C-alpha atoms as a PDB file:
ATOM      1  CA  MET A   1      -6.520  -7.135   3.907  1.00  0.00           C
ATOM      2  CA  PHE A   2      -3.982  -4.351   3.408  1.00  0.00           C
ATOM      3  CA  LYS A   3      -5.089  -1.752   0.896  1.00  0.00           C
ATOM      4  CA  PRO A   4      -2.116   0.317  -0.349  1.00  0.00           C
ATOM      5  CA  LYS A   5      -2.338   3.847  -1.633  1.00  0.00           C
ATOM      6  CA  ALA A   6       0.773   3.250  -3.576  1.00  0.00           C
ATOM      7  CA  ILE A   7       3.545   0.570  -4.532  1.00  0.00           C
ATOM      8  CA  ALA A   8       7.272   0.632  -4.528  1.00  0.00           C
ATOM      9  CA  VAL A   9       8.991  -2.215  -6.535  1.00  0.00           C
ATOM     10  CA  ASP A  10      12.552  -3.075  -6.795  1.00  0.00           C
ATOM     11  CA  ILE A  11      13.953  -3.751 -10.343  1.00  0.00           C
ATOM     12  CA  ASP A  12      16.955  -6.239 -10.286  1.00  0.00           C
ATOM     13  CA  GLY A  13      16.062  -9.639  -8.737  1.00  0.00           C
ATOM     14  CA  THR A  14      12.538  -8.362  -8.411  1.00  0.00           C
ATOM     15  CA  LEU A  15      11.181  -7.572 -11.784  1.00  0.00           C
ATOM     16  CA  THR A  16      14.143  -9.316 -13.529  1.00  0.00           C
ATOM     17  CA  ASP A  17      15.927 -12.552 -13.055  1.00  0.00           C
ATOM     18  CA  ARG A  18      19.410 -13.140 -12.305  1.00  0.00           C
ATOM     19  CA  LYS A  19      20.501 -12.416 -15.842  1.00  0.00           C
ATOM     20  CA  ARG A  20      18.489  -8.905 -15.537  1.00  0.00           C
ATOM     21  CA  ALA A  21      16.007 -10.122 -17.971  1.00  0.00           C
ATOM     22  CA  LEU A  22      12.655  -8.308 -17.487  1.00  0.00           C
ATOM     23  CA  ASN A  23       9.512 -10.565 -16.685  1.00  0.00           C
ATOM     24  CA  CYS A  24       6.946  -9.556 -19.166  1.00  0.00           C
ATOM     25  CA  ARG A  25       4.109 -11.000 -17.103  1.00  0.00           C
ATOM     26  CA  ALA A  26       4.982  -8.601 -14.350  1.00  0.00           C
ATOM     27  CA  VAL A  27       5.402  -5.721 -16.683  1.00  0.00           C
ATOM     28  CA  GLU A  28       1.866  -6.339 -17.868  1.00  0.00           C
ATOM     29  CA  ALA A  29       0.278  -6.699 -14.306  1.00  0.00           C
ATOM     30  CA  LEU A  30       2.008  -3.537 -13.256  1.00  0.00           C
ATOM     31  CA  ARG A  31       0.190  -1.714 -16.131  1.00  0.00           C
ATOM     32  CA  LYS A  32      -3.017  -2.765 -14.824  1.00  0.00           C
ATOM     33  CA  VAL A  33      -2.518  -1.278 -11.242  1.00  0.00           C
ATOM     34  CA  LYS A  34      -4.646   1.740 -10.601  1.00  0.00           C
ATOM     35  CA  ILE A  35      -2.566   3.410  -7.920  1.00  0.00           C
ATOM     36  CA  PRO A  36       0.869   4.792  -8.200  1.00  0.00           C
ATOM     37  CA  VAL A  37       3.780   2.182  -9.004  1.00  0.00           C
ATOM     38  CA  ILE A  38       7.138   3.678  -8.253  1.00  0.00           C
ATOM     39  CA  LEU A  39      10.447   1.941  -9.083  1.00  0.00           C
ATOM     40  CA  ALA A  40      12.950   1.727  -6.180  1.00  0.00           C
ATOM     41  CA  THR A  41      16.290   0.616  -7.598  1.00  0.00           C
ATOM     42  CA  GLY A  42      19.945   0.794  -6.772  1.00  0.00           C
ATOM     43  CA  ASN A  43      20.783   1.787 -10.233  1.00  0.00           C
ATOM     44  CA  ILE A  44      21.025   5.194 -11.725  1.00  0.00           C
ATOM     45  CA  SER A  45      18.549   7.574 -12.507  1.00  0.00           C
ATOM     46  CA  CYS A  46      18.773   7.508 -16.379  1.00  0.00           C
ATOM     47  CA  PHE A  47      18.379   3.956 -16.190  1.00  0.00           C
ATOM     48  CA  ALA A  48      15.433   3.939 -13.554  1.00  0.00           C
ATOM     49  CA  ARG A  49      13.625   6.665 -15.701  1.00  0.00           C
ATOM     50  CA  ALA A  50      13.984   4.548 -18.861  1.00  0.00           C
ATOM     51  CA  ALA A  51      12.779   1.469 -17.102  1.00  0.00           C
ATOM     52  CA  ALA A  52       9.660   3.217 -15.913  1.00  0.00           C
ATOM     53  CA  LYS A  53       8.809   4.619 -19.106  1.00  0.00           C
ATOM     54  CA  LEU A  54       9.141   1.392 -20.660  1.00  0.00           C
ATOM     55  CA  ILE A  55       7.228  -0.588 -18.028  1.00  0.00           C
ATOM     56  CA  GLY A  56       4.527   1.934 -18.204  1.00  0.00           C
ATOM     57  CA  VAL A  57       4.437   2.934 -14.442  1.00  0.00           C
ATOM     58  CA  SER A  58       4.799   6.195 -12.493  1.00  0.00           C
ATOM     59  CA  ASP A  59       7.689   8.758 -13.548  1.00  0.00           C
ATOM     60  CA  VAL A  60       8.514   9.048  -9.869  1.00  0.00           C
ATOM     61  CA  VAL A  61      11.570   6.902  -9.171  1.00  0.00           C
ATOM     62  CA  ILE A  62      13.939   6.249  -6.259  1.00  0.00           C
ATOM     63  CA  CYS A  63      17.475   5.588  -7.404  1.00  0.00           C
ATOM     64  CA  GLU A  64      20.912   4.745  -6.231  1.00  0.00           C
ATOM     65  CA  ASN A  65      19.493   3.027  -3.255  1.00  0.00           C
ATOM     66  CA  GLY A  66      17.593   6.005  -1.957  1.00  0.00           C
ATOM     67  CA  GLY A  67      20.312   8.387  -2.559  1.00  0.00           C
ATOM     68  CA  VAL A  68      18.562   9.852  -5.713  1.00  0.00           C
ATOM     69  CA  VAL A  69      14.705  10.729  -6.218  1.00  0.00           C
ATOM     70  CA  ARG A  70      13.204  12.285  -9.060  1.00  0.00           C
ATOM     71  CA  PHE A  71       9.375  13.321  -9.631  1.00  0.00           C
ATOM     72  CA  GLU A  72       9.111  14.050 -13.239  1.00  0.00           C
ATOM     73  CA  TYR A  73      10.712  12.162 -16.417  1.00  0.00           C
ATOM     74  CA  ASP A  74      12.230  15.514 -17.547  1.00  0.00           C
ATOM     75  CA  GLY A  75      12.622  17.246 -14.294  1.00  0.00           C
ATOM     76  CA  GLU A  76      15.732  17.335 -12.001  1.00  0.00           C
ATOM     77  CA  ASP A  77      17.428  14.787  -9.793  1.00  0.00           C
ATOM     78  CA  ILE A  78      17.244  15.513  -6.065  1.00  0.00           C
ATOM     79  CA  VAL A  79      20.303  14.228  -4.282  1.00  0.00           C
ATOM     80  CA  LEU A  80      19.942  12.988  -0.687  1.00  0.00           C
ATOM     81  CA  GLY A  81      23.507  11.549  -0.220  1.00  0.00           C
ATOM     82  CA  ASP A  82      27.123  12.822  -0.007  1.00  0.00           C
ATOM     83  CA  LYS A  83      29.046  11.190  -2.800  1.00  0.00           C
ATOM     84  CA  GLU A  84      32.421  12.519  -1.555  1.00  0.00           C
ATOM     85  CA  LYS A  85      32.366  10.505   1.886  1.00  0.00           C
ATOM     86  CA  CYS A  86      31.824   7.335  -0.382  1.00  0.00           C
ATOM     87  CA  VAL A  87      34.741   8.269  -2.539  1.00  0.00           C
ATOM     88  CA  GLU A  88      36.926   8.759   0.725  1.00  0.00           C
ATOM     89  CA  ALA A  89      35.888   5.068   1.768  1.00  0.00           C
ATOM     90  CA  VAL A  90      36.630   3.797  -1.605  1.00  0.00           C
ATOM     91  CA  ARG A  91      40.280   5.204  -1.319  1.00  0.00           C
ATOM     92  CA  VAL A  92      40.710   3.003   1.984  1.00  0.00           C
ATOM     93  CA  LEU A  93      39.382   0.040   0.221  1.00  0.00           C
ATOM     94  CA  GLU A  94      41.731   0.359  -2.778  1.00  0.00           C
ATOM     95  CA  LYS A  95      44.667   0.076  -0.391  1.00  0.00           C
ATOM     96  CA  HIS A  96      43.576  -3.442   0.298  1.00  0.00           C
ATOM     97  CA  PHE A  97      41.495  -4.942  -2.565  1.00  0.00           C
ATOM     98  CA  GLU A  98      41.354  -4.533  -6.364  1.00  0.00           C
ATOM     99  CA  VAL A  99      38.267  -2.297  -6.704  1.00  0.00           C
ATOM    100  CA  GLU A 100      36.570  -2.150  -9.999  1.00  0.00           C
ATOM    101  CA  LEU A 101      34.113   0.943 -10.233  1.00  0.00           C
ATOM    102  CA  LEU A 102      30.773   0.679 -12.046  1.00  0.00           C
ATOM    103  CA  ASP A 103      28.929   3.653 -13.406  1.00  0.00           C
ATOM    104  CA  PHE A 104      30.938   6.029 -11.362  1.00  0.00           C
ATOM    105  CA  GLU A 105      30.563   8.950 -13.525  1.00  0.00           C
ATOM    106  CA  TYR A 106      26.811   8.693 -13.590  1.00  0.00           C
ATOM    107  CA  ARG A 107      26.305   8.235  -9.792  1.00  0.00           C
ATOM    108  CA  LYS A 108      25.491  11.303  -7.671  1.00  0.00           C
ATOM    109  CA  SER A 109      25.214   9.980  -4.214  1.00  0.00           C
ATOM    110  CA  GLU A 110      27.168   6.779  -3.897  1.00  0.00           C
ATOM    111  CA  VAL A 111      29.948   4.416  -5.283  1.00  0.00           C
ATOM    112  CA  CYS A 112      29.072   1.228  -6.973  1.00  0.00           C
ATOM    113  CA  MET A 113      31.826  -1.747  -7.335  1.00  0.00           C
ATOM    114  CA  ARG A 114      31.955  -5.169  -8.817  1.00  0.00           C
ATOM    115  CA  ARG A 115      31.192  -7.944  -6.165  1.00  0.00           C
ATOM    116  CA  SER A 116      35.046  -8.930  -6.280  1.00  0.00           C
ATOM    117  CA  PHE A 117      36.124  -9.034  -2.611  1.00  0.00           C
ATOM    118  CA  ASP A 118      35.151  -9.936   1.019  1.00  0.00           C
ATOM    119  CA  ILE A 119      32.326  -7.478   1.962  1.00  0.00           C
ATOM    120  CA  ASN A 120      32.829  -8.284   5.801  1.00  0.00           C
ATOM    121  CA  GLU A 121      36.610  -7.379   5.758  1.00  0.00           C
ATOM    122  CA  ALA A 122      35.728  -4.188   3.536  1.00  0.00           C
ATOM    123  CA  ARG A 123      32.972  -3.026   6.054  1.00  0.00           C
ATOM    124  CA  LYS A 124      35.572  -3.372   8.980  1.00  0.00           C
ATOM    125  CA  LEU A 125      37.931  -1.061   6.984  1.00  0.00           C
ATOM    126  CA  ILE A 126      35.678   1.886   6.408  1.00  0.00           C
ATOM    127  CA  GLU A 127      33.729   1.684   9.859  1.00  0.00           C
ATOM    128  CA  GLY A 128      33.362   4.968  11.347  1.00  0.00           C
ATOM    129  CA  MET A 129      33.603   6.804   8.085  1.00  0.00           C
ATOM    130  CA  GLY A 130      29.798   7.725   7.907  1.00  0.00           C
ATOM    131  CA  VAL A 131      29.187   5.267   5.079  1.00  0.00           C
ATOM    132  CA  LYS A 132      27.815   1.878   4.732  1.00  0.00           C
ATOM    133  CA  LEU A 133      28.559  -0.893   2.330  1.00  0.00           C
ATOM    134  CA  VAL A 134      25.622  -2.748   0.867  1.00  0.00           C
ATOM    135  CA  ASP A 135      25.303  -5.781  -1.074  1.00  0.00           C
ATOM    136  CA  SER A 136      22.458  -5.566  -3.787  1.00  0.00           C
ATOM    137  CA  GLY A 137      23.082  -8.989  -5.058  1.00  0.00           C
ATOM    138  CA  PHE A 138      24.351  -7.569  -8.333  1.00  0.00           C
ATOM    139  CA  ALA A 139      26.961  -4.977  -6.967  1.00  0.00           C
ATOM    140  CA  TYR A 140      28.351  -3.617  -3.849  1.00  0.00           C
ATOM    141  CA  HIS A 141      27.361   0.036  -2.948  1.00  0.00           C
ATOM    142  CA  ILE A 142      29.036   2.313  -0.703  1.00  0.00           C
ATOM    143  CA  MET A 143      26.314   4.676   0.505  1.00  0.00           C
ATOM    144  CA  ASP A 144      26.208   7.790   2.947  1.00  0.00           C
ATOM    145  CA  ALA A 145      25.054   6.257   6.141  1.00  0.00           C
ATOM    146  CA  ASP A 146      22.277   8.699   6.340  1.00  0.00           C
ATOM    147  CA  VAL A 147      20.653   7.418   3.113  1.00  0.00           C
ATOM    148  CA  SER A 148      18.420   4.359   2.652  1.00  0.00           C
ATOM    149  CA  LYS A 149      15.542   3.418   0.428  1.00  0.00           C
ATOM    150  CA  GLY A 150      13.435   3.739   3.240  1.00  0.00           C
ATOM    151  CA  LYS A 151      14.029   7.360   3.836  1.00  0.00           C
ATOM    152  CA  ALA A 152      13.798   8.083   0.352  1.00  0.00           C
ATOM    153  CA  LEU A 153      10.192   6.240   0.546  1.00  0.00           C
ATOM    154  CA  LYS A 154       9.327   8.742   3.181  1.00  0.00           C
ATOM    155  CA  PHE A 155      10.481  11.635   1.240  1.00  0.00           C
ATOM    156  CA  VAL A 156       8.457  10.328  -1.944  1.00  0.00           C
ATOM    157  CA  ALA A 157       5.387   9.725   0.143  1.00  0.00           C
ATOM    158  CA  GLU A 158       5.375  13.208   1.950  1.00  0.00           C
ATOM    159  CA  ARG A 159       5.572  14.587  -1.713  1.00  0.00           C
ATOM    160  CA  LEU A 160       2.580  12.516  -2.732  1.00  0.00           C
ATOM    161  CA  GLY A 161       0.600  13.441   0.274  1.00  0.00           C
ATOM    162  CA  ILE A 162       0.302  10.190   1.718  1.00  0.00           C
ATOM    163  CA  SER A 163       2.384   8.132   4.353  1.00  0.00           C
ATOM    164  CA  SER A 164       5.000   5.641   3.910  1.00  0.00           C
ATOM    165  CA  ALA A 165       2.720   3.292   5.818  1.00  0.00           C
ATOM    166  CA  GLU A 166       0.164   3.435   3.150  1.00  0.00           C
ATOM    167  CA  PHE A 167       2.916   1.856   0.638  1.00  0.00           C
ATOM    168  CA  ALA A 168       3.165  -1.680  -0.243  1.00  0.00           C
ATOM    169  CA  VAL A 169       6.709  -2.496  -1.200  1.00  0.00           C
ATOM    170  CA  ILE A 170       8.093  -5.453  -3.181  1.00  0.00           C
ATOM    171  CA  GLY A 171      11.834  -6.601  -3.213  1.00  0.00           C
ATOM    172  CA  ASP A 172      14.513  -9.117  -2.821  1.00  0.00           C
ATOM    173  CA  SER A 173      17.784  -7.832  -1.519  1.00  0.00           C
ATOM    174  CA  GLU A 174      19.077  -6.356   1.667  1.00  0.00           C
ATOM    175  CA  ASN A 175      19.069  -2.807   0.431  1.00  0.00           C
ATOM    176  CA  ASP A 176      15.328  -3.266   0.546  1.00  0.00           C
ATOM    177  CA  ILE A 177      15.228  -3.763   4.352  1.00  0.00           C
ATOM    178  CA  ASP A 178      14.859  -0.241   5.397  1.00  0.00           C
ATOM    179  CA  MET A 179      11.891   0.117   2.826  1.00  0.00           C
ATOM    180  CA  PHE A 180      10.157  -2.839   4.388  1.00  0.00           C
ATOM    181  CA  ARG A 181      10.605  -1.219   7.750  1.00  0.00           C
ATOM    182  CA  VAL A 182       8.727   1.975   6.883  1.00  0.00           C
ATOM    183  CA  ALA A 183       6.238   0.670   4.608  1.00  0.00           C
ATOM    184  CA  GLY A 184       2.724  -0.728   5.629  1.00  0.00           C
ATOM    185  CA  PHE A 185       3.298  -3.980   3.994  1.00  0.00           C
ATOM    186  CA  GLY A 186       6.406  -5.668   2.716  1.00  0.00           C
ATOM    187  CA  ILE A 187       6.566  -8.532   0.168  1.00  0.00           C
ATOM    188  CA  ALA A 188       9.724 -10.707  -0.552  1.00  0.00           C
ATOM    189  CA  VAL A 189       9.792 -12.669  -3.766  1.00  0.00           C
ATOM    190  CA  ALA A 190      10.820 -16.152  -3.258  1.00  0.00           C
ATOM    191  CA  ASN A 191      14.475 -15.687  -4.354  1.00  0.00           C
ATOM    192  CA  ALA A 192      14.894 -12.870  -1.741  1.00  0.00           C
ATOM    193  CA  ASP A 193      17.758 -12.545   0.668  1.00  0.00           C
ATOM    194  CA  GLU A 194      16.871 -14.421   3.752  1.00  0.00           C
ATOM    195  CA  ARG A 195      17.633 -11.367   5.887  1.00  0.00           C
ATOM    196  CA  LEU A 196      14.989  -9.460   3.885  1.00  0.00           C
ATOM    197  CA  LYS A 197      12.466 -12.250   4.433  1.00  0.00           C
ATOM    198  CA  GLU A 198      12.705 -11.820   8.229  1.00  0.00           C
ATOM    199  CA  TYR A 199      10.871  -8.420   7.697  1.00  0.00           C
ATOM    200  CA  ALA A 200       8.624  -9.295   5.042  1.00  0.00           C
ATOM    201  CA  ASP A 201       4.593  -9.597   5.719  1.00  0.00           C
ATOM    202  CA  LEU A 202       4.583 -12.023   2.913  1.00  0.00           C
ATOM    203  CA  VAL A 203       7.030 -14.168   0.915  1.00  0.00           C
ATOM    204  CA  THR A 204       5.706 -15.187  -2.502  1.00  0.00           C
ATOM    205  CA  PRO A 205       5.863 -18.737  -3.671  1.00  0.00           C
ATOM    206  CA  SER A 206       7.495 -17.722  -7.065  1.00  0.00           C
ATOM    207  CA  PRO A 207      10.770 -15.834  -7.620  1.00  0.00           C
ATOM    208  CA  ASP A 208      11.439 -12.484  -9.232  1.00  0.00           C
ATOM    209  CA  GLY A 209       8.808 -11.469 -11.871  1.00  0.00           C
ATOM    210  CA  GLU A 210       6.217 -14.125 -11.170  1.00  0.00           C
ATOM    211  CA  GLY A 211       6.528 -13.371  -7.477  1.00  0.00           C
ATOM    212  CA  VAL A 212       5.575  -9.779  -8.183  1.00  0.00           C
ATOM    213  CA  VAL A 213       2.356 -10.998 -10.217  1.00  0.00           C
ATOM    214  CA  GLU A 214       1.370 -12.979  -7.019  1.00  0.00           C
ATOM    215  CA  ALA A 215       2.312 -10.032  -4.810  1.00  0.00           C
ATOM    216  CA  LEU A 216      -0.173  -7.857  -6.739  1.00  0.00           C
ATOM    217  CA  GLN A 217      -2.817 -10.584  -6.800  1.00  0.00           C
ATOM    218  CA  PHE A 218      -2.575 -11.051  -3.041  1.00  0.00           C
ATOM    219  CA  LEU A 219      -2.922  -7.089  -2.603  1.00  0.00           C
ATOM    220  CA  GLY A 220      -6.256  -7.493  -4.630  1.00  0.00           C
ATOM    221  CA  LEU A 221      -4.760  -4.983  -7.412  1.00  0.00           C
ATOM    222  CA  LEU A 222      -5.447  -7.097 -10.425  1.00  0.00           C
ATOM    223  CA  ARG A 223      -9.082  -7.485 -11.843  1.00  0.00           C
END
Protein backbone atom coordinates (compact mmCIF):
# COMPACT_ATOMS: atom_id res chain seq x y z
CA MET A 1 0.00 0.00 0.00
CA PHE A 2 1.19 3.51 -0.82
CA LYS A 3 2.27 5.37 2.32
CA PRO A 4 2.29 9.13 1.68
CA LYS A 5 4.44 11.61 3.55
CA ALA A 6 1.95 14.41 2.81
CA ILE A 7 -1.48 14.94 1.23
CA ALA A 8 -2.82 17.64 -1.08
CA VAL A 9 -6.61 18.06 -1.18
CA ASP A 10 -8.76 20.16 -3.48
CA ILE A 11 -11.61 22.14 -1.86
CA ASP A 12 -14.60 22.85 -4.15
CA GLY A 13 -16.30 19.64 -5.27
CA THR A 14 -13.93 17.58 -3.14
CA LEU A 15 -14.27 18.81 0.44
CA THR A 16 -17.53 20.55 -0.49
CA ASP A 17 -20.66 19.62 -2.40
CA ARG A 18 -22.04 21.42 -5.47
CA LYS A 19 -23.52 24.11 -3.23
CA ARG A 20 -20.05 24.61 -1.71
CA ALA A 21 -21.12 23.35 1.69
CA LEU A 22 -18.16 21.90 3.60
CA ASN A 23 -18.44 18.25 4.64
CA CYS A 24 -17.94 18.13 8.42
CA ARG A 25 -17.04 14.42 8.45
CA ALA A 26 -14.19 15.16 6.07
CA VAL A 27 -13.01 18.00 8.31
CA GLU A 28 -13.00 15.72 11.35
CA ALA A 29 -11.09 13.07 9.41
CA LEU A 30 -8.45 15.50 8.12
CA ARG A 31 -7.79 16.73 11.65
CA LYS A 32 -6.80 13.18 12.62
CA VAL A 33 -4.19 12.85 9.88
CA LYS A 34 -0.64 12.95 11.30
CA ILE A 35 1.16 14.02 8.10
CA PRO A 36 0.96 17.47 6.44
CA VAL A 37 -2.38 18.16 4.72
CA ILE A 38 -2.15 20.91 2.10
CA LEU A 39 -5.17 22.54 0.47
CA ALA A 40 -4.79 22.95 -3.31
CA THR A 41 -7.51 25.12 -4.81
CA GLY A 42 -8.47 27.34 -7.70
CA ASN A 43 -9.57 29.93 -5.18
CA ILE A 44 -7.66 32.95 -3.94
CA SER A 45 -5.04 33.00 -1.18
CA CYS A 46 -7.11 34.62 1.58
CA PHE A 47 -9.91 32.09 1.03
CA ALA A 48 -7.50 29.13 1.06
CA ARG A 49 -5.72 30.36 4.18
CA ALA A 50 -8.98 30.93 6.03
CA ALA A 51 -10.24 27.50 4.99
CA ALA A 52 -7.00 25.85 6.14
CA LYS A 53 -7.24 27.57 9.51
CA LEU A 54 -10.90 26.63 10.01
CA ILE A 55 -10.44 23.03 8.86
CA GLY A 56 -7.34 22.69 11.04
CA VAL A 57 -4.75 21.59 8.48
CA SER A 58 -1.33 22.89 7.38
CA ASP A 59 -1.01 26.61 6.67
CA VAL A 60 0.85 25.74 3.46
CA VAL A 61 -1.62 26.35 0.60
CA ILE A 62 -1.66 26.11 -3.19
CA CYS A 63 -4.00 28.75 -4.65
CA GLU A 64 -5.22 30.01 -8.03
CA ASN A 65 -4.70 26.58 -9.60
CA GLY A 66 -1.00 26.67 -8.78
CA GLY A 67 -0.37 30.29 -9.68
CA VAL A 68 0.14 31.26 -6.03
CA VAL A 69 1.62 29.34 -3.09
CA ARG A 70 2.03 30.37 0.53
CA PHE A 71 3.96 28.69 3.31
CA GLU A 72 2.84 30.62 6.39
CA TYR A 73 -0.55 32.01 7.35
CA ASP A 74 0.96 35.45 8.00
CA GLY A 75 3.70 35.17 5.36
CA GLU A 76 3.81 36.41 1.77
CA ASP A 77 2.18 35.01 -1.36
CA ILE A 78 4.66 33.57 -3.85
CA VAL A 79 3.30 34.33 -7.34
CA LEU A 80 4.24 31.77 -10.00
CA GLY A 81 2.11 33.02 -12.90
CA ASP A 82 1.92 36.10 -15.13
CA LYS A 83 -1.53 37.68 -14.74
CA GLU A 84 -0.96 40.22 -17.51
CA LYS A 85 -0.91 37.47 -20.15
CA CYS A 86 -4.27 36.31 -18.83
CA VAL A 87 -5.71 39.83 -18.96
CA GLU A 88 -4.68 40.14 -22.61
CA ALA A 89 -6.54 36.88 -23.35
CA VAL A 90 -9.64 38.20 -21.59
CA ARG A 91 -9.61 41.26 -23.85
CA VAL A 92 -9.80 38.92 -26.84
CA LEU A 93 -12.69 36.94 -25.34
CA GLU A 94 -14.61 40.11 -24.52
CA LYS A 95 -14.85 40.84 -28.25
CA HIS A 96 -16.82 37.62 -28.75
CA PHE A 97 -18.56 36.83 -25.44
CA GLU A 98 -20.17 38.56 -22.49
CA VAL A 99 -17.49 37.92 -19.87
CA GLU A 100 -18.17 38.29 -16.14
CA LEU A 101 -15.00 38.47 -14.05
CA LEU A 102 -14.87 36.96 -10.56
CA ASP A 103 -12.56 38.15 -7.74
CA PHE A 104 -10.46 40.00 -10.32
CA GLU A 105 -8.87 42.46 -7.88
CA TYR A 106 -7.81 39.67 -5.50
CA ARG A 107 -6.24 37.31 -8.05
CA LYS A 108 -2.50 37.69 -8.57
CA SER A 109 -1.70 35.11 -11.26
CA GLU A 110 -4.85 34.39 -13.28
CA VAL A 111 -8.29 35.61 -14.30
CA CYS A 112 -11.46 33.86 -13.12
CA MET A 113 -14.79 34.11 -15.01
CA ARG A 114 -18.39 32.98 -14.80
CA ARG A 115 -19.12 29.78 -16.78
CA SER A 116 -21.38 31.64 -19.21
CA PHE A 117 -19.91 30.91 -22.66
CA ASP A 118 -18.66 28.03 -24.80
CA ILE A 119 -15.27 27.04 -23.42
CA ASN A 120 -14.15 25.17 -26.53
CA GLU A 121 -14.80 28.17 -28.77
CA ALA A 122 -13.02 30.39 -26.27
CA ARG A 123 -9.98 28.11 -26.23
CA LYS A 124 -9.66 28.43 -30.01
CA LEU A 125 -9.75 32.22 -29.79
CA ILE A 126 -6.84 32.49 -27.32
CA GLU A 127 -4.71 29.70 -28.71
CA GLY A 128 -1.05 30.70 -29.00
CA MET A 129 -1.25 33.46 -26.38
CA GLY A 130 0.76 31.58 -23.76
CA VAL A 131 -2.28 30.88 -21.60
CA LYS A 132 -4.73 28.05 -21.01
CA LEU A 133 -8.44 28.07 -20.20
CA VAL A 134 -9.50 25.58 -17.53
CA ASP A 135 -12.93 24.64 -16.20
CA SER A 136 -12.89 23.95 -12.44
CA GLY A 137 -16.54 22.94 -12.51
CA PHE A 138 -17.38 26.13 -10.60
CA ALA A 139 -15.74 28.78 -12.81
CA TYR A 140 -13.51 29.24 -15.85
CA HIS A 141 -9.89 30.18 -15.21
CA ILE A 142 -7.46 31.73 -17.68
CA MET A 143 -4.03 30.72 -16.44
CA ASP A 144 -0.45 31.29 -17.49
CA ALA A 145 0.43 28.23 -19.61
CA ASP A 146 3.45 27.60 -17.38
CA VAL A 147 1.27 27.28 -14.26
CA SER A 148 -0.45 24.18 -12.88
CA LYS A 149 -1.31 22.60 -9.56
CA GLY A 150 1.24 19.92 -10.44
CA LYS A 151 4.12 22.39 -10.81
CA ALA A 152 3.06 24.12 -7.61
CA LEU A 153 2.97 20.77 -5.82
CA LYS A 154 6.56 20.09 -6.94
CA PHE A 155 7.54 23.57 -5.70
CA VAL A 156 5.92 22.96 -2.31
CA ALA A 157 7.35 19.44 -2.00
CA GLU A 158 10.88 20.71 -2.58
CA ARG A 159 10.45 23.34 0.14
CA LEU A 160 9.18 20.62 2.49
CA GLY A 161 12.19 18.43 1.72
CA ILE A 162 10.25 15.62 0.08
CA SER A 163 9.33 14.58 -3.46
CA SER A 164 5.96 15.22 -5.07
CA ALA A 165 5.93 11.44 -5.65
CA GLU A 166 5.59 11.07 -1.87
CA PHE A 167 2.28 12.96 -1.92
CA ALA A 168 -1.17 11.45 -2.18
CA VAL A 169 -3.63 13.86 -3.81
CA ILE A 170 -7.42 14.01 -3.73
CA GLY A 171 -9.50 15.97 -6.25
CA ASP A 172 -12.50 16.19 -8.55
CA SER A 173 -11.78 18.44 -11.52
CA GLU A 174 -9.71 18.72 -14.69
CA ASN A 175 -7.56 21.36 -12.98
CA ASP A 176 -6.34 18.54 -10.70
CA ILE A 177 -4.95 16.42 -13.56
CA ASP A 178 -1.43 17.86 -13.47
CA MET A 179 -1.32 17.29 -9.72
CA PHE A 180 -2.29 13.64 -10.26
CA ARG A 181 0.49 13.30 -12.84
CA VAL A 182 3.28 14.29 -10.43
CA ALA A 183 1.96 12.76 -7.20
CA GLY A 184 2.67 9.24 -6.05
CA PHE A 185 -1.02 8.35 -5.69
CA GLY A 186 -4.09 10.13 -7.05
CA ILE A 187 -7.60 9.67 -5.70
CA ALA A 188 -10.67 11.00 -7.49
CA VAL A 189 -13.93 11.33 -5.57
CA ALA A 190 -16.99 9.72 -7.19
CA ASN A 191 -18.34 13.01 -8.59
CA ALA A 192 -15.04 13.78 -10.33
CA ASP A 193 -14.64 14.84 -13.95
CA GLU A 194 -14.35 11.76 -16.17
CA ARG A 195 -11.01 12.95 -17.54
CA LEU A 196 -9.56 13.13 -14.03
CA LYS A 197 -10.74 9.60 -13.28
CA GLU A 198 -8.56 8.36 -16.14
CA TYR A 199 -5.50 9.56 -14.21
CA ALA A 200 -6.65 8.29 -10.81
CA ASP A 201 -5.16 5.33 -8.99
CA LEU A 202 -8.42 5.08 -7.05
CA VAL A 203 -11.97 6.40 -7.49
CA THR A 204 -13.94 6.50 -4.26
CA PRO A 205 -17.45 4.97 -4.04
CA SER A 206 -18.87 8.19 -2.55
CA PRO A 207 -18.80 11.80 -3.78
CA ASP A 208 -17.07 14.90 -2.39
CA GLY A 209 -16.41 14.93 1.39
CA GLU A 210 -17.60 11.39 1.98
CA GLY A 211 -15.17 10.31 -0.72
CA VAL A 212 -12.35 12.15 1.07
CA VAL A 213 -13.06 10.14 4.22
CA GLU A 214 -12.97 6.92 2.17
CA ALA A 215 -9.68 8.02 0.58
CA LEU A 216 -8.07 8.61 3.97
CA GLN A 217 -9.32 5.26 5.20
CA PHE A 218 -7.88 3.51 2.13
CA LEU A 219 -4.51 5.16 2.73
CA GLY A 220 -4.53 3.93 6.32
CA LEU A 221 -4.41 7.45 7.74
CA LEU A 222 -7.38 7.16 10.09
CA ARG A 223 -6.98 5.22 13.32
